[in-house]
Amino acid sequence: MSLLVVGLSHRSAPVSVLERASLNAGAQLKLLQDTVAAEPATEAAVLATCNRIELYADVDKFHAGVAELSTLLAQHSGVGLEELTPYLYVHYEDRAVHHLFSVACGLDSMVVGEGQILGQIKDSLARAQDLHTAGRLLNDLFQQALRVGKRAHSETGIDRAGQSLVTFGLEQLSAGADVQQWARGKRALVIGAGSMSSLAAATLARAGVAEIVVANRTFERAERLARILSEGDDTDVLARAVPMDSVPGELTRADVAVSCTGATGLVLTADAVVASVEGRTGAPAVADTAVRETAVRDTGETPLPGAGSAADENCPLDLSSVPSGFSVMGEAAVAGMDAATLEQHGAWAAGGTAVDRTRETGRGGPEADTELIGALAATATRVGRIPERRRPEPVVEVPRPEPVLFLLDLAMPRDVDAAVHRLAGVRLVDIESLADASADAPMAADVDMVRRIVADEVTAFGAAQRAAHITPTVVALRSMAADVVAGEIARLEGRLPGLDDKHRAEITQTVKRVVDKLLHAPTVRVKQLAAEPGGAGYADALRTLFDLDQETVASVSRAENSTTEKNRGPA
């Protein structure tokens, strides 16, 4: 077994990178085809979800496989290899098996213990099977991963350790309040009719919302989901479908909106959300910065220099890139500046204007920088830190008004403009904020039980694969023995032409029993030894000792793979 996985997930990459590297359905199919066409890989499967992109392959060379799979991921994601590489992780052989089993159990999910990943693994296997890119190894691996995931959920309380991404997102929207009390009576808009959107709609219906409006580019799918919701036995929600161009109007009526589409661009822009809030409240939806400036005027506080103010005119720091609420007077604001800019920033912060040192002294370049860096280092050594030219002004903290619109964006790439986070009267929860919130989520004791299950299953899978690896050699050995018996019986018949059928059959059976008894102990033992770690060499030893034809062994392997292909099917 030479299983290799190369991928990136919410654990290794920021959401902005995952968003850009996301693969649509067409890109996934092309990636699979190109992977098996590449030199090192014979099988391939892609596991792509909202927070992970992983390429699994059976390779004959590790280093060449890593290079090829990394290059293919970069090509098909559209993110340059140099930019993508720092966020990639690589697992090989048993570690790759352990990784997929952990993923299947929900241990590697953004919300630990969520069960949606099992459906995504099943879809990934079905896609690879349809394209015939999954052979014996990946079929066995993914089907076993599904069984391990189901075992973890049935034998442990891992479900208590976490919930679905939808439920977790709704909890974040409700800001810790009981979701059912928070949702009761609200009007909901669900954008998209795929598996995640359908789960969100069903969750909202069970939570007690009064109305659900489903919008989708394919109106028939929206109608089908709305009908399923309306006819459900466990809810009495009013559900209806609308075309996508009705979203702006429906957003004005909605209290909560969930979006999860496969769109490559934004579905809800900041302007669209502003318009919906203004249409709902009649008051302008302002950004937090405007709220803060208003509060400063009302309280009489001295405002901090901020982007667009007259005080910024001569500041060498690009204030437009400074996060909201950040004081540009502090030492952290000058991190990464070169020496000349440091001096300019210091002069500006002291109340003067930025100084063009090159014009003033007639000197510039590395020599001037070296002199200034040396002076700055001496000062830092003496006082213990870079001096501030003026103390930071306190930032006035103003509570945000209560939201009138709640948005849950579960899409990757995002459906809702990130700028909506800054709008007063709106609460947006997206994949990035979910990742931040889940980082501090408590782990249940059942997680340890699941980890033990994963470890046991990895050991068992490795043993089964190593044992299966030697099976074609054992079959070829027995086939050679059968040929020897047949040849000797034919030679006996030539020397004893008068041998009757009864005696011929008895002699044939006796010879076969002798051969079977001689081969039984060695073949059973070699399977046991091959199943142990490091047992891969026993197949080679068996072929060498009995001078087995390599092509005969290969033909047995091909026949077994063909049988597996005919009998394949998800667990």
Protein backbone atom coordinates (compact mmCIF):
# COMPACT_ATOMS: atom_id res chain seq x y z
CA MET A 1 0.00 0.00 0.00
CA SER A 2 1.35 3.43 -0.98
CA LEU A 3 -1.52 5.68 0.03
CA LEU A 4 -0.79 9.41 -0.13
CA VAL A 5 -3.00 12.37 0.78
CA VAL A 6 -2.15 16.00 0.08
CA GLY A 7 -4.58 18.66 1.22
CA LEU A 8 -5.44 21.76 3.17
CA SER A 9 -8.19 22.46 5.68
CA HIS A 10 -9.41 24.97 8.23
CA ARG A 11 -6.68 23.64 10.54
CA SER A 12 -3.83 24.46 8.16
CA ALA A 13 -5.03 27.42 6.09
CA PRO A 14 -6.93 30.66 6.69
CA VAL A 15 -10.46 30.81 5.35
CA SER A 16 -9.39 33.34 2.72
CA VAL A 17 -7.05 30.75 1.18
CA LEU A 18 -9.61 27.94 1.44
CA GLU A 19 -12.15 30.20 -0.23
CA ARG A 20 -9.88 30.87 -3.21
CA ALA A 21 -8.79 27.23 -3.48
CA SER A 22 -12.30 25.77 -3.43
CA LEU A 23 -13.16 23.37 -6.26
CA ASN A 24 -16.50 23.24 -8.03
CA ALA A 25 -17.88 19.93 -9.29
CA GLY A 26 -16.32 20.29 -12.73
CA ALA A 27 -12.90 21.10 -11.31
CA GLN A 28 -13.08 18.06 -9.03
CA LEU A 29 -13.79 15.73 -11.96
CA LYS A 30 -10.95 17.19 -14.01
CA LEU A 31 -8.58 16.91 -11.05
CA LEU A 32 -9.41 13.22 -10.67
CA GLN A 33 -8.84 12.53 -14.35
CA ASP A 34 -5.55 14.41 -14.43
CA THR A 35 -4.31 12.69 -11.27
CA VAL A 36 -4.72 9.15 -12.57
CA ALA A 37 -3.19 10.26 -15.88
CA ALA A 38 -0.09 11.49 -14.02
CA GLU A 39 2.96 9.27 -13.72
CA PRO A 40 3.08 8.37 -10.00
CA ALA A 41 -0.65 7.77 -9.34
CA THR A 42 -2.82 4.79 -10.24
CA GLU A 43 -5.93 5.67 -8.19
CA ALA A 44 -7.39 8.97 -7.01
CA ALA A 45 -10.24 10.44 -4.99
CA VAL A 46 -11.06 14.04 -4.01
CA LEU A 47 -12.68 15.01 -0.72
CA ALA A 48 -13.83 18.63 -1.05
CA THR A 49 -16.04 20.25 1.59
CA CYS A 50 -16.62 23.80 2.77
CA ASN A 51 -13.55 23.63 5.00
CA ARG A 52 -11.20 21.09 3.40
CA ILE A 53 -9.76 20.06 0.04
CA GLU A 54 -7.92 16.72 0.00
CA LEU A 55 -6.54 14.62 -2.83
CA TYR A 56 -6.04 10.90 -2.11
CA ALA A 57 -3.96 8.72 -4.42
CA ASP A 58 -2.22 5.36 -4.65
CA VAL A 59 1.31 6.24 -5.73
CA ASP A 60 4.44 4.25 -6.48
CA LYS A 61 6.89 7.01 -5.46
CA PHE A 62 6.48 9.20 -2.37
CA HIS A 63 8.45 12.33 -3.33
CA ALA A 64 7.28 12.32 -6.92
CA GLY A 65 3.72 11.77 -5.69
CA VAL A 66 3.84 14.71 -3.30
CA ALA A 67 5.23 16.99 -6.00
CA GLU A 68 2.67 15.88 -8.58
CA LEU A 69 -0.37 16.03 -6.30
CA SER A 70 0.62 19.44 -4.92
CA THR A 71 1.09 20.79 -8.44
CA LEU A 72 -2.27 19.41 -9.58
CA LEU A 73 -4.07 20.93 -6.57
CA ALA A 74 -2.52 24.31 -7.34
CA GLN A 75 -3.38 24.12 -11.04
CA HIS A 76 -7.02 23.18 -10.52
CA SER A 77 -7.64 25.49 -7.57
CA GLY A 78 -6.17 28.52 -9.31
CA VAL A 79 -3.93 29.35 -6.34
CA GLY A 80 -0.24 29.49 -7.20
CA LEU A 81 1.88 26.61 -5.93
CA GLU A 82 4.25 28.89 -4.03
CA GLU A 83 1.33 30.51 -2.22
CA LEU A 84 -0.47 27.22 -1.59
CA THR A 85 2.48 25.15 -0.39
CA PRO A 86 2.80 26.64 3.15
CA TYR A 87 -0.77 25.54 3.91
CA LEU A 88 -0.58 21.99 2.54
CA TYR A 89 -0.25 18.89 4.72
CA VAL A 90 0.91 15.46 3.62
CA HIS A 91 0.06 12.04 5.09
CA TYR A 92 1.46 8.75 3.85
CA GLU A 93 0.43 5.10 4.26
CA ASP A 94 -0.81 4.41 7.83
CA ARG A 95 -0.85 8.12 8.70
CA ALA A 96 -3.05 8.77 5.65
CA VAL A 97 -5.45 6.03 6.78
CA HIS A 98 -5.49 7.48 10.31
CA HIS A 99 -6.26 10.93 8.90
CA LEU A 100 -9.24 9.81 6.80
CA PHE A 101 -10.67 7.69 9.64
CA SER A 102 -10.37 10.70 11.98
CA VAL A 103 -12.11 12.87 9.39
CA ALA A 104 -14.90 10.29 9.02
CA CYS A 105 -15.49 10.29 12.78
CA GLY A 106 -15.73 14.08 12.90
CA LEU A 107 -12.51 14.48 14.91
CA ASP A 108 -11.00 16.79 12.30
CA SER A 109 -14.16 18.81 11.65
CA MET A 110 -14.59 22.45 12.50
CA VAL A 111 -17.36 21.30 14.84
CA VAL A 112 -16.05 18.12 16.47
CA GLY A 113 -18.37 15.15 16.11
CA GLU A 114 -20.54 16.48 13.29
CA GLY A 115 -21.93 13.73 11.11
CA GLN A 116 -22.34 15.52 7.76
CA ILE A 117 -18.82 14.51 6.76
CA LEU A 118 -19.94 10.89 6.29
CA GLY A 119 -22.26 11.90 3.47
CA GLN A 120 -19.47 13.93 1.89
CA ILE A 121 -17.06 10.96 2.06
CA LYS A 122 -19.73 8.77 0.48
CA ASP A 123 -20.19 11.29 -2.33
CA SER A 124 -16.43 11.47 -2.83
CA LEU A 125 -16.20 7.69 -3.21
CA ALA A 126 -19.17 7.57 -5.59
CA ARG A 127 -17.58 10.27 -7.75
CA ALA A 128 -14.30 8.36 -7.98
CA GLN A 129 -16.15 5.12 -8.73
CA ASP A 130 -18.18 6.72 -11.51
CA LEU A 131 -14.97 7.95 -13.14
CA HIS A 132 -13.21 4.61 -12.46
CA THR A 133 -10.40 6.41 -10.62
CA ALA A 134 -10.93 4.36 -7.43
CA GLY A 135 -9.34 0.92 -7.52
CA ARG A 136 -9.03 -1.73 -4.86
CA LEU A 137 -7.11 0.44 -2.35
CA LEU A 138 -9.34 3.53 -2.38
CA ASN A 139 -12.54 1.49 -2.54
CA ASP A 140 -11.45 -0.46 0.55
CA LEU A 141 -10.20 2.70 2.30
CA PHE A 142 -13.27 4.89 1.81
CA GLN A 143 -15.76 2.10 2.50
CA GLN A 144 -13.90 1.24 5.70
CA ALA A 145 -13.81 4.95 6.64
CA LEU A 146 -17.61 5.05 6.34
CA ARG A 147 -17.90 1.99 8.60
CA VAL A 148 -15.49 3.48 11.14
CA GLY A 149 -17.44 6.75 11.20
CA LYS A 150 -20.73 4.93 11.75
CA ARG A 151 -19.14 2.82 14.48
CA ALA A 152 -17.85 5.94 16.27
CA HIS A 153 -21.31 7.52 16.26
CA SER A 154 -23.10 4.34 17.37
CA GLU A 155 -20.65 3.17 20.07
CA THR A 156 -19.73 6.51 21.65
CA GLY A 157 -21.31 9.81 22.57
CA ILE A 158 -19.26 11.74 20.01
CA ASP A 159 -22.52 13.38 18.89
CA ARG A 160 -22.56 15.11 22.26
CA ALA A 161 -19.13 16.62 21.57
CA GLY A 162 -20.44 18.68 18.69
CA GLN A 163 -23.27 19.28 16.30
CA SER A 164 -23.74 19.99 12.66
CA LEU A 165 -22.25 23.15 11.22
CA VAL A 166 -25.80 24.43 10.75
CA THR A 167 -26.74 23.98 14.40
CA PHE A 168 -23.46 25.48 15.55
CA GLY A 169 -23.99 28.45 13.22
CA LEU A 170 -27.51 29.05 14.55
CA GLU A 171 -26.17 28.95 18.10
CA GLN A 172 -23.67 31.63 17.17
CA LEU A 173 -26.44 33.72 15.58
CA SER A 174 -28.52 33.48 18.73
CA ALA A 175 -25.50 34.65 20.78
CA GLY A 176 -25.86 31.93 23.39
CA ALA A 177 -29.63 32.10 23.75
CA ASP A 178 -31.76 28.99 23.36
CA VAL A 179 -32.02 28.47 19.60
CA GLN A 180 -35.67 27.39 19.69
CA GLN A 181 -36.73 30.40 21.73
CA TRP A 182 -34.66 32.68 19.52
CA ALA A 183 -36.04 31.21 16.27
CA ARG A 184 -39.68 30.89 17.28
CA GLY A 185 -41.92 33.02 15.11
CA LYS A 186 -39.15 34.37 12.88
CA ARG A 187 -39.31 34.52 9.09
CA ALA A 188 -36.42 32.72 7.39
CA LEU A 189 -34.92 32.96 3.91
CA VAL A 190 -32.84 29.98 2.70
CA ILE A 191 -30.72 30.65 -0.40
CA GLY A 192 -29.75 27.44 -2.17
CA ALA A 193 -31.39 24.01 -2.26
CA GLY A 194 -28.39 21.68 -1.91
CA SER A 195 -27.67 19.32 0.97
CA MET A 196 -26.39 22.01 3.37
CA SER A 197 -29.22 24.43 2.57
CA SER A 198 -31.77 21.64 2.95
CA LEU A 199 -30.30 20.73 6.34
CA ALA A 200 -30.45 24.41 7.37
CA ALA A 201 -34.08 24.67 6.27
CA ALA A 202 -35.04 21.50 8.15
CA THR A 203 -33.20 22.69 11.27
CA LEU A 204 -34.95 26.05 11.16
CA ALA A 205 -38.31 24.34 10.69
CA ARG A 206 -37.75 22.13 13.74
CA ALA A 207 -36.58 25.17 15.71
CA GLY A 208 -39.99 26.75 15.23
CA VAL A 209 -39.65 29.50 12.63
CA ALA A 210 -42.99 30.67 11.29
CA GLU A 211 -42.09 30.82 7.60
CA ILE A 212 -39.32 29.60 5.31
CA VAL A 213 -38.77 31.02 1.84
CA VAL A 214 -36.47 28.96 -0.42
CA ALA A 215 -34.64 30.64 -3.29
CA ASN A 216 -32.57 28.73 -5.83
CA ARG A 217 -31.27 29.23 -9.35
CA THR A 218 -33.16 26.10 -10.40
CA PHE A 219 -36.68 26.96 -9.34
CA GLU A 220 -37.86 23.32 -9.47
CA ARG A 221 -35.36 22.35 -6.75
CA ALA A 222 -36.55 25.23 -4.57
CA GLU A 223 -40.14 24.08 -5.06
CA ARG A 224 -39.23 20.50 -4.14
CA LEU A 225 -37.51 21.57 -0.90
CA ALA A 226 -40.40 23.88 0.03
CA ARG A 227 -42.86 21.04 -0.56
CA ILE A 228 -40.85 18.65 1.63
CA LEU A 229 -40.80 21.23 4.42
CA SER A 230 -44.53 21.92 4.17
CA GLU A 231 -45.45 18.23 4.18
CA GLY A 232 -43.20 17.28 7.09
CA ASP A 233 -44.94 15.51 9.95
CA ASP A 234 -42.77 17.01 12.70
CA THR A 235 -43.28 20.71 11.79
CA ASP A 236 -46.10 23.03 10.75
CA VAL A 237 -43.93 25.64 9.05
CA LEU A 238 -45.23 27.61 6.08
CA ALA A 239 -42.77 27.13 3.21
CA ARG A 240 -42.74 28.53 -0.31
CA ALA A 241 -40.28 28.82 -3.20
CA VAL A 242 -39.17 31.94 -5.06
CA PRO A 243 -36.75 32.58 -7.94
CA MET A 244 -33.32 34.02 -7.19
CA ASP A 245 -34.22 37.48 -8.46
CA SER A 246 -36.75 37.74 -5.61
CA VAL A 247 -34.02 37.53 -2.95
CA PRO A 248 -33.63 41.32 -2.42
CA GLY A 249 -37.34 41.76 -1.72
CA GLU A 250 -37.55 38.64 0.47
CA LEU A 251 -34.50 39.77 2.43
CA THR A 252 -36.41 42.89 3.46
CA ARG A 253 -39.09 40.68 5.05
CA ALA A 254 -36.75 38.08 6.56
CA ASP A 255 -35.48 37.99 10.14
CA VAL A 256 -32.82 35.35 9.41
CA ALA A 257 -31.24 34.27 6.14
CA VAL A 258 -29.04 31.23 5.47
CA SER A 259 -27.03 31.03 2.25
CA CYS A 260 -25.07 28.09 0.88
CA THR A 261 -24.79 28.05 -2.90
CA GLY A 262 -22.14 26.98 -5.36
CA ALA A 263 -21.80 30.50 -6.75
CA THR A 264 -18.29 31.71 -7.52
CA GLY A 265 -19.19 35.33 -6.72
CA LEU A 266 -21.09 37.07 -3.95
CA VAL A 267 -24.79 36.31 -3.63
CA LEU A 268 -25.44 39.08 -1.09
CA THR A 269 -23.36 42.23 -1.40
CA ALA A 270 -22.99 44.77 1.40
CA ASP A 271 -25.12 47.23 -0.58
CA ALA A 272 -27.91 44.66 -0.92
CA VAL A 273 -27.89 44.00 2.82
CA VAL A 274 -27.87 47.74 3.57
CA ALA A 275 -30.86 48.20 1.28
CA SER A 276 -32.75 45.35 2.94
CA VAL A 277 -32.14 46.70 6.45
CA GLU A 278 -33.13 50.21 5.43
CA GLY A 279 -36.22 48.83 3.72
CA ARG A 280 -37.11 46.95 6.89
CA THR A 281 -36.39 49.66 9.50
CA GLY A 282 -36.65 52.89 7.51
CA ALA A 283 -33.37 53.98 9.09
CA PRO A 284 -29.98 53.97 7.39
CA ALA A 285 -27.72 50.96 8.10
CA VAL A 286 -24.40 52.51 9.09
CA ALA A 287 -21.03 50.89 9.56
CA ASP A 288 -19.46 50.52 13.00
CA THR A 289 -16.94 53.27 12.26
CA ALA A 290 -19.77 55.74 11.73
CA VAL A 291 -21.42 54.61 14.98
CA ARG A 292 -18.14 55.13 16.82
CA GLU A 293 -17.61 58.63 15.40
CA THR A 294 -21.14 59.59 16.38
CA ALA A 295 -20.58 58.31 19.92
CA VAL A 296 -17.31 60.25 20.17
CA ARG A 297 -19.09 63.48 19.23
CA ASP A 298 -21.85 62.78 21.74
CA THR A 299 -19.43 62.03 24.60
CA GLY A 300 -17.04 64.89 23.85
CA GLU A 301 -14.04 62.57 23.58
CA THR A 302 -11.12 63.59 21.41
CA PRO A 303 -11.33 61.42 18.32
CA LEU A 304 -8.43 59.30 17.22
CA PRO A 305 -6.89 59.98 13.84
CA GLY A 306 -8.74 57.69 11.48
CA ALA A 307 -8.82 56.97 7.80
CA GLY A 308 -10.03 59.97 5.86
CA SER A 309 -9.44 62.56 8.61
CA ALA A 310 -7.41 65.70 8.05
CA ALA A 311 -4.83 64.51 10.58
CA ASP A 312 -3.97 61.62 8.29
CA GLU A 313 -2.83 63.82 5.46
CA ASN A 314 0.88 63.50 6.23
CA CYS A 315 0.88 60.11 7.96
CA PRO A 316 3.19 57.63 6.19
CA LEU A 317 1.13 54.67 7.47
CA ASP A 318 -1.65 53.42 5.19
CA LEU A 319 -4.53 53.94 7.57
CA SER A 320 -7.05 52.39 5.19
CA SER A 321 -5.54 48.98 5.99
CA VAL A 322 -5.67 49.46 9.78
CA PRO A 323 -8.38 47.37 11.53
CA SER A 324 -11.33 49.15 13.08
CA GLY A 325 -10.59 50.33 16.62
CA PHE A 326 -6.83 50.15 16.20
CA SER A 327 -4.75 53.06 17.51
CA VAL A 328 -2.11 54.11 15.00
CA MET A 329 -0.13 55.76 17.80
CA GLY A 330 1.01 52.52 19.45
CA GLU A 331 4.28 50.75 18.78
CA ALA A 332 2.43 47.85 17.17
CA ALA A 333 1.38 50.19 14.39
CA VAL A 334 4.95 50.53 13.16
CA ALA A 335 5.74 46.82 12.99
CA GLY A 336 7.45 46.00 9.73
CA MET A 337 8.25 49.58 8.69
CA ASP A 338 11.70 50.36 7.40
CA ALA A 339 13.86 52.86 9.30
CA ALA A 340 13.05 55.89 7.16
CA THR A 341 9.32 55.32 7.51
CA LEU A 342 9.74 54.80 11.26
CA GLU A 343 11.28 58.25 11.54
CA GLN A 344 8.54 59.80 9.44
CA HIS A 345 5.88 58.08 11.54
CA GLY A 346 7.52 59.30 14.74
CA ALA A 347 7.57 62.88 13.52
CA TRP A 348 3.94 62.69 12.46
CA ALA A 349 2.84 61.14 15.76
CA ALA A 350 4.65 63.89 17.69
CA GLY A 351 2.42 66.44 16.00
CA GLY A 352 4.69 67.47 13.15
CA THR A 353 4.58 66.49 9.54
CA ALA A 354 6.17 63.59 7.77
CA VAL A 355 9.78 64.26 6.91
CA ASP A 356 11.37 63.33 3.61
CA ARG A 357 14.76 62.39 4.99
CA THR A 358 16.22 61.88 1.54
CA ARG A 359 15.53 65.48 0.56
CA GLU A 360 16.56 66.87 3.95
CA THR A 361 19.96 65.24 4.23
CA GLY A 362 20.73 64.50 0.64
CA ARG A 363 21.32 60.90 1.66
CA GLY A 364 19.20 57.85 1.07
CA GLY A 365 19.40 54.16 0.40
CA PRO A 366 20.99 51.42 2.56
CA GLU A 367 23.47 53.73 4.33
CA ALA A 368 20.74 55.98 5.72
CA ASP A 369 18.65 52.97 6.70
CA THR A 370 21.60 51.37 8.48
CA GLU A 371 22.21 54.53 10.51
CA LEU A 372 18.57 54.86 11.51
CA ILE A 373 18.16 51.17 12.33
CA GLY A 374 21.23 51.34 14.52
CA ALA A 375 19.88 54.35 16.41
CA LEU A 376 16.50 52.69 16.81
CA ALA A 377 18.11 49.48 18.10
CA ALA A 378 20.16 51.45 20.63
CA THR A 379 17.05 53.18 21.93
CA ALA A 380 15.14 49.90 22.12
CA THR A 381 18.03 48.31 24.08
CA ARG A 382 18.08 51.19 26.56
CA VAL A 383 14.36 51.47 27.25
CA GLY A 384 13.34 47.90 26.48
CA ARG A 385 11.01 48.65 23.56
CA ILE A 386 10.44 50.94 20.62
CA PRO A 387 9.46 54.32 22.07
CA GLU A 388 6.04 55.75 21.45
CA ARG A 389 6.01 59.38 20.41
CA ARG A 390 2.61 59.88 21.94
CA ARG A 391 0.44 57.78 24.19
CA PRO A 392 -2.41 55.96 22.43
CA GLU A 393 -5.76 57.58 22.93
CA PRO A 394 -8.37 55.26 24.45
CA VAL A 395 -10.80 53.80 21.96
CA VAL A 396 -14.40 54.52 22.81
CA GLU A 397 -16.27 51.22 22.95
CA VAL A 398 -19.82 51.65 21.79
CA PRO A 399 -22.28 48.76 22.06
CA ARG A 400 -23.73 47.71 18.74
CA PRO A 401 -27.46 48.10 18.31
CA GLU A 402 -29.54 44.94 18.46
CA PRO A 403 -29.54 43.21 15.06
CA VAL A 404 -32.70 43.21 12.99
CA LEU A 405 -31.26 40.83 10.39
CA PHE A 406 -29.34 37.61 11.10
CA LEU A 407 -27.21 36.12 8.30
CA LEU A 408 -25.61 32.64 8.27
CA ASP A 409 -23.18 32.09 5.38
CA LEU A 410 -22.14 28.43 5.05
CA ALA A 411 -20.73 28.68 1.53
CA MET A 412 -17.14 28.32 0.42
CA PRO A 413 -16.29 30.57 -1.33
CA ARG A 414 -18.44 32.95 0.69
CA ASP A 415 -21.90 34.03 -0.47
CA VAL A 416 -22.15 37.11 1.75
CA ASP A 417 -19.80 40.07 1.53
CA ALA A 418 -17.48 40.09 4.57
CA ALA A 419 -18.03 43.86 4.83
CA VAL A 420 -21.48 43.06 6.25
CA HIS A 421 -19.72 42.24 9.55
CA ARG A 422 -19.26 45.98 10.04
CA LEU A 423 -22.90 46.96 9.48
CA ALA A 424 -24.89 47.99 12.52
CA GLY A 425 -28.21 46.17 12.84
CA VAL A 426 -26.87 43.02 11.16
CA ARG A 427 -25.26 39.93 12.68
CA LEU A 428 -23.29 37.82 10.19
CA VAL A 429 -21.87 34.39 11.01
CA ASP A 430 -19.73 32.84 8.29
CA ILE A 431 -17.18 30.03 7.98
CA GLU A 432 -14.38 32.25 9.27
CA SER A 433 -16.24 33.33 12.42
CA LEU A 434 -17.39 29.73 12.97
CA ALA A 435 -13.75 28.62 12.86
CA ASP A 436 -12.84 31.22 15.48
CA ALA A 437 -15.75 30.21 17.71
CA SER A 438 -15.08 26.48 17.44
CA ALA A 439 -11.43 26.87 18.43
CA ASP A 440 -12.53 27.23 22.07
CA ALA A 441 -15.34 24.67 21.96
CA PRO A 442 -15.11 22.09 24.78
CA MET A 443 -14.11 18.54 23.91
CA ALA A 444 -16.24 15.73 25.27
CA ALA A 445 -14.73 12.73 27.07
CA ASP A 446 -16.12 10.54 24.29
CA VAL A 447 -13.52 11.98 21.93
CA ASP A 448 -10.88 9.83 23.62
CA MET A 449 -12.98 6.73 22.98
CA VAL A 450 -13.28 7.64 19.32
CA ARG A 451 -9.53 8.13 19.07
CA ARG A 452 -9.01 4.62 20.41
CA ILE A 453 -11.49 3.27 17.87
CA VAL A 454 -9.62 5.05 15.09
CA ALA A 455 -6.26 3.66 16.28
CA ASP A 456 -7.63 0.10 16.42
CA GLU A 457 -9.27 0.40 13.00
CA VAL A 458 -6.08 1.79 11.43
CA THR A 459 -4.13 -1.22 12.74
CA ALA A 460 -6.76 -3.65 11.47
CA PHE A 461 -6.94 -1.96 8.06
CA GLY A 462 -3.18 -2.01 7.66
CA ALA A 463 -3.02 -5.69 8.57
CA ALA A 464 -5.82 -6.53 6.13
CA GLN A 465 -4.13 -4.61 3.33
CA ARG A 466 -0.76 -6.24 3.96
CA ALA A 467 -2.39 -9.66 4.07
CA ALA A 468 -4.27 -8.90 0.87
CA HIS A 469 -1.00 -7.86 -0.75
CA ILE A 470 0.41 -11.36 -0.40
CA THR A 471 -2.79 -13.16 -1.45
CA PRO A 472 -2.01 -13.05 -5.22
CA THR A 473 1.39 -14.63 -4.51
CA VAL A 474 -0.19 -17.41 -2.44
CA VAL A 475 -2.80 -17.99 -5.15
CA ALA A 476 -0.07 -18.14 -7.78
CA LEU A 477 1.88 -20.65 -5.64
CA ARG A 478 -1.14 -22.93 -5.28
CA SER A 479 -1.84 -22.57 -9.00
CA MET A 480 1.72 -23.66 -9.77
CA ALA A 481 1.33 -26.65 -7.40
CA ALA A 482 -1.92 -27.64 -9.15
CA ASP A 483 -0.11 -27.53 -12.51
CA VAL A 484 2.65 -29.76 -11.13
CA VAL A 485 0.07 -32.28 -9.87
CA ALA A 486 -1.76 -32.28 -13.22
CA GLY A 487 1.53 -32.79 -15.07
CA GLU A 488 2.57 -35.70 -12.86
CA ILE A 489 -0.83 -37.42 -13.20
CA ALA A 490 -0.62 -37.07 -16.99
CA ARG A 491 2.89 -38.58 -16.94
CA LEU A 492 1.61 -41.47 -14.76
CA GLU A 493 -1.18 -42.19 -17.22
CA GLY A 494 1.40 -42.39 -20.02
CA ARG A 495 3.42 -44.95 -18.08
CA LEU A 496 0.35 -46.91 -16.85
CA PRO A 497 -2.15 -46.78 -19.71
CA GLY A 498 -4.23 -49.59 -18.25
CA LEU A 499 -4.97 -47.69 -15.03
CA ASP A 500 -8.72 -47.74 -14.39
CA ASP A 501 -10.71 -44.63 -13.44
CA LYS A 502 -11.15 -45.62 -9.78
CA HIS A 503 -7.43 -46.02 -9.14
CA ARG A 504 -6.56 -42.93 -11.20
CA ALA A 505 -8.96 -40.79 -9.13
CA GLU A 506 -7.59 -42.20 -5.85
CA ILE A 507 -3.99 -41.51 -6.88
CA THR A 508 -4.88 -37.99 -8.04
CA GLN A 509 -6.66 -37.21 -4.77
CA THR A 510 -3.75 -38.57 -2.73
CA VAL A 511 -1.19 -36.44 -4.55
CA LYS A 512 -3.36 -33.32 -4.14
CA ARG A 513 -3.72 -33.99 -0.39
CA VAL A 514 0.03 -34.32 -0.01
CA VAL A 515 0.64 -31.02 -1.85
CA ASP A 516 -2.10 -29.22 0.11
CA LYS A 517 -0.68 -30.41 3.45
CA LEU A 518 2.82 -29.33 2.47
CA LEU A 519 1.61 -25.85 1.44
CA HIS A 520 -0.96 -25.27 4.18
CA ALA A 521 1.31 -24.32 7.08
CA PRO A 522 3.69 -22.11 5.02
CA THR A 523 0.87 -20.19 3.31
CA VAL A 524 -1.10 -19.64 6.52
CA ARG A 525 2.02 -18.52 8.34
CA VAL A 526 3.17 -16.23 5.56
CA LYS A 527 -0.23 -14.47 5.59
CA GLN A 528 0.10 -13.93 9.33
CA LEU A 529 3.62 -12.58 8.98
CA ALA A 530 2.65 -10.37 6.04
CA ALA A 531 -0.14 -8.79 8.11
CA GLU A 532 2.38 -7.53 10.65
CA PRO A 533 4.20 -4.20 10.23
CA GLY A 534 7.17 -4.65 7.92
CA GLY A 535 5.69 -7.83 6.46
CA ALA A 536 5.58 -6.60 2.87
CA GLY A 537 8.83 -8.44 2.03
CA TYR A 538 7.34 -11.89 2.57
CA ALA A 539 5.60 -11.83 -0.81
CA ASP A 540 8.94 -11.18 -2.51
CA ALA A 541 10.57 -13.98 -0.51
CA LEU A 542 7.81 -16.42 -1.50
CA ARG A 543 8.17 -15.57 -5.17
CA THR A 544 11.93 -16.01 -4.98
CA LEU A 545 11.87 -19.31 -3.06
CA PHE A 546 9.37 -20.96 -5.40
CA ASP A 547 10.54 -19.20 -8.57
CA LEU A 548 7.07 -17.89 -9.27
CA ASP A 549 6.40 -16.06 -12.51
CA GLN A 550 5.79 -12.35 -11.76
CA GLU A 551 3.29 -12.10 -14.61
CA THR A 552 1.23 -14.94 -13.09
CA VAL A 553 1.06 -13.05 -9.79
CA ALA A 554 0.13 -9.83 -11.62
CA SER A 555 -2.64 -11.59 -13.55
CA VAL A 556 -4.14 -12.83 -10.28
CA SER A 557 -4.07 -9.26 -8.92
CA ARG A 558 -5.78 -7.93 -12.04
CA ALA A 559 -8.46 -10.60 -11.78
CA GLU A 560 -9.12 -9.72 -8.13
CA ASN A 561 -9.30 -6.00 -8.92
CA SER A 562 -11.74 -6.72 -11.72
CA THR A 563 -13.95 -8.66 -9.32
CA THR A 564 -13.75 -5.81 -6.80
CA GLU A 565 -14.79 -3.32 -9.49
CA LYS A 566 -17.85 -5.37 -10.37
CA ASN A 567 -18.89 -5.84 -6.76
CA ARG A 568 -18.09 -2.34 -5.53
CA GLY A 569 -20.58 -0.18 -3.71
CA PRO A 570 -20.56 2.27 -0.81
CA ALA A 571 -20.97 0.86 2.68
